[in-house]
Each structure stands twice: as C-alpha cells, then as structure tokens.
Protein backbone atom coordinates (compact mmCIF):
# COMPACT_ATOMS: atom_id res chain seq x y z
CA MET A 1 -98.28 -361.39 111.37
CA SER A 2 -97.85 -357.80 109.71
CA ILE A 3 -94.42 -355.63 111.05
CA GLU A 4 -96.95 -353.08 112.26
CA SER A 5 -98.66 -355.45 114.57
CA GLU A 6 -95.53 -357.16 115.67
CA LEU A 7 -93.96 -353.73 116.71
CA CYS A 8 -97.03 -352.54 117.97
CA ARG A 9 -97.00 -355.54 120.57
CA GLU A 10 -92.86 -354.58 121.74
CA VAL A 11 -93.71 -350.83 121.81
CA TYR A 12 -96.85 -351.11 124.18
CA ARG A 13 -94.56 -354.13 125.95
CA GLN A 14 -92.05 -351.31 126.47
CA MET A 15 -94.44 -348.98 128.39
CA GLU A 16 -95.72 -351.76 130.28
CA LEU A 17 -92.08 -352.15 131.48
CA HIS A 18 -91.64 -348.63 132.06
CA GLN A 19 -94.16 -348.75 134.50
CA ALA A 20 -91.97 -351.84 136.14
CA PHE A 21 -89.74 -348.84 136.92
CA LYS A 22 -91.55 -348.36 140.42
CA GLU A 23 -90.79 -352.00 141.23
CA GLY A 24 -87.47 -351.35 140.72
CA GLU A 25 -87.33 -353.61 137.49
CA TYR A 26 -85.49 -352.87 134.47
CA GLU A 27 -83.70 -355.75 133.41
CA GLU A 28 -86.48 -357.01 130.67
CA LEU A 29 -86.68 -353.49 129.40
CA ASN A 30 -82.89 -353.52 128.61
CA THR A 31 -83.10 -356.20 126.42
CA LEU A 32 -85.05 -354.54 123.51
CA TYR A 33 -81.89 -352.30 122.91
CA SER A 34 -79.41 -354.00 120.18
CA ASP A 35 -76.01 -354.76 121.42
CA GLU A 36 -74.29 -354.22 118.46
CA GLU A 37 -76.26 -351.22 116.66
CA PHE A 38 -77.81 -349.16 119.21
CA GLN A 39 -77.58 -345.03 118.96
CA GLY A 40 -79.24 -342.89 121.35
CA GLN A 41 -80.15 -339.46 121.57
CA LEU A 42 -82.09 -337.39 124.09
CA TYR A 43 -82.62 -333.52 124.03
CA ILE A 44 -84.10 -331.81 127.59
CA PRO A 45 -84.94 -327.85 126.91
CA ARG A 46 -83.18 -327.08 130.22
CA VAL A 47 -79.78 -328.92 129.03
CA GLY A 48 -80.05 -326.98 125.75
CA HIS A 49 -78.27 -329.64 123.72
CA VAL A 50 -78.61 -333.33 122.62
CA GLN A 51 -76.91 -336.01 124.78
CA SER A 52 -75.90 -339.13 123.34
CA PHE A 53 -76.12 -342.64 124.62
CA ASN A 54 -74.52 -346.08 123.47
CA VAL A 55 -75.99 -349.39 124.63
CA GLN A 56 -74.39 -349.39 128.03
CA GLU A 57 -75.36 -345.47 128.96
CA ILE A 58 -78.90 -346.34 128.09
CA ARG A 59 -79.22 -349.54 129.81
CA GLU A 60 -77.55 -347.41 133.00
CA GLY A 61 -79.71 -344.87 132.70
CA ASN A 62 -83.17 -347.34 132.56
CA ARG A 63 -81.17 -348.71 136.16
CA GLU A 64 -80.88 -345.33 137.23
CA ALA A 65 -84.49 -344.53 136.70
CA ALA A 66 -85.76 -347.89 138.05
CA THR A 67 -83.87 -347.19 141.34
CA ASN A 68 -84.95 -343.66 141.61
CA PHE A 69 -88.80 -344.38 140.45
CA LYS A 70 -89.06 -347.34 143.18
CA GLY A 71 -92.28 -346.79 145.37
CA LYS A 72 -93.16 -343.89 143.91
CA ASN A 73 -96.29 -343.63 142.05
CA ILE A 74 -95.60 -343.09 138.07
CA HIS A 75 -97.28 -343.38 135.03
CA PHE A 76 -96.31 -343.60 131.40
CA VAL A 77 -98.90 -343.53 128.60
CA PHE A 78 -97.72 -343.46 124.98
CA SER A 79 -99.81 -342.35 122.39
CA GLY A 80 -100.07 -341.75 118.58
CA LEU A 81 -98.38 -344.88 117.65
CA GLN A 82 -97.07 -344.25 114.06
CA ILE A 83 -95.12 -347.47 112.32
CA VAL A 84 -93.36 -347.12 108.73
CA PRO A 85 -91.67 -349.97 107.53
CA GLN A 86 -88.51 -349.50 106.21
CA HIS A 87 -88.15 -352.94 104.35
CA GLU A 88 -88.86 -356.56 105.56
CA ASN A 89 -87.25 -356.55 108.76
CA GLN A 90 -87.03 -352.71 109.79
CA ALA A 91 -89.31 -349.90 110.27
CA ALA A 92 -89.01 -346.41 112.04
CA VAL A 93 -91.61 -346.02 114.84
CA SER A 94 -92.62 -342.81 116.50
CA TYR A 95 -95.00 -342.17 119.37
CA VAL A 96 -95.49 -339.63 122.35
CA VAL A 97 -94.84 -340.17 125.61
CA THR A 98 -96.74 -338.54 128.56
CA TYR A 99 -94.95 -339.43 132.20
CA ARG A 100 -96.89 -338.19 135.31
CA ASP A 101 -95.91 -338.85 138.92
CA ASN A 102 -97.33 -336.71 141.69
CA THR A 103 -95.69 -333.52 140.95
CA ARG A 104 -95.40 -333.42 137.48
CA MET A 105 -96.11 -334.55 133.67
CA VAL A 106 -93.78 -334.39 131.13
CA ARG A 107 -94.55 -335.15 127.42
CA ALA A 108 -92.19 -336.09 124.96
CA LEU A 109 -91.75 -337.17 121.20
CA ASN A 110 -89.88 -340.99 120.64
CA LEU A 111 -88.54 -341.74 117.09
CA GLU A 112 -86.89 -344.86 116.86
CA VAL A 113 -85.82 -347.56 114.36
CA TRP A 114 -86.24 -351.21 115.47
CA LYS A 115 -84.63 -353.97 113.54
CA LYS A 116 -85.49 -357.51 113.55
CA GLY A 117 -82.43 -359.71 113.83
CA PRO A 118 -81.51 -363.62 112.50
CA ASP A 119 -83.24 -364.98 116.00
CA HIS A 120 -86.48 -363.04 114.78
CA GLN A 121 -86.73 -360.91 117.60
CA TRP A 122 -87.23 -357.03 117.43
CA LYS A 123 -84.38 -354.91 118.74
CA MET A 124 -83.98 -351.27 119.20
CA ILE A 125 -81.22 -349.86 116.77
CA ARG A 126 -82.05 -345.80 116.59
CA TRP A 127 -83.47 -343.62 119.30
CA TYR A 128 -84.24 -340.23 120.04
CA GLN A 129 -86.54 -338.42 122.43
CA GLU A 130 -87.22 -334.89 122.23
CA LYS A 131 -88.69 -333.69 125.83
CA GLY A 132 -90.98 -331.33 126.36
CA SER A 133 -89.98 -327.76 127.97
CA ASN A 134 -92.04 -328.75 131.47
CA GLU A 135 -88.75 -331.27 132.49
C-alpha cells in the first residue's frame, strides 16, 4: 500500500473520531499523536497569537472538546486532502476542516506531518491549524 493510501485512511479515520466527540469519546483520537515527537500549534484570529501544545495538552484539549460536544449536533468535514511524501516513513499532509453545529460554521486549514514508527503505525508528529475568522 502506498504512503498516500495509508495516510488517506488515517486522516479520514481522524475525521470519524472527531465526530465521536458528540458521544463523549476521544480516547482513540488521542492515540494518533506521537508520545515522543508531537508538537502542535493553533492560530485563532480572535486570540491573535499562535498557541503551542505538547502531546499532553492536545490530548487534554480533545478530552475537553468531547465533554463540551457530548450530546450536541456537531459535524466535521475534512476536504481538499493533499499528501506529500517526505521519505518512505514520513509525509506532510494538508486539508480543510469544516466544523458545523446548530449555530455556527468554522473552517480551518490543517497542516500535519505523520511518521510511521517501528511498529508500522502512523503517528502525527507535527500539527498546525489556522482557524477561520468566524470562530
């Protein structure tokens, strides 16, 4: 299987796992981040600066999101997926995330780097999200 096929499967699984926030589930999503190498950054226009996250903070953020979204009508759509292999075990990934609930819609651009470990599992090692202004 090609890197592109493998990572396409991982990214769209990630979208499904975001949908599980409405059931209060987040644990499986948290397994996608590298324990050793993860670095995350998020830019929200209304905040006006880039926030950095380590692996514990991104996992805690997912737990909080699942708590907040539990029982709510939410929907995530990932589109425009681009995968650029960097070598046989690593690739850069980009896509647009559209989040909708009953009152708003927010779009964001995600840029990620995924790396396949010695266990042959893909893990996210870098994540950057640039939110749209309607957050």
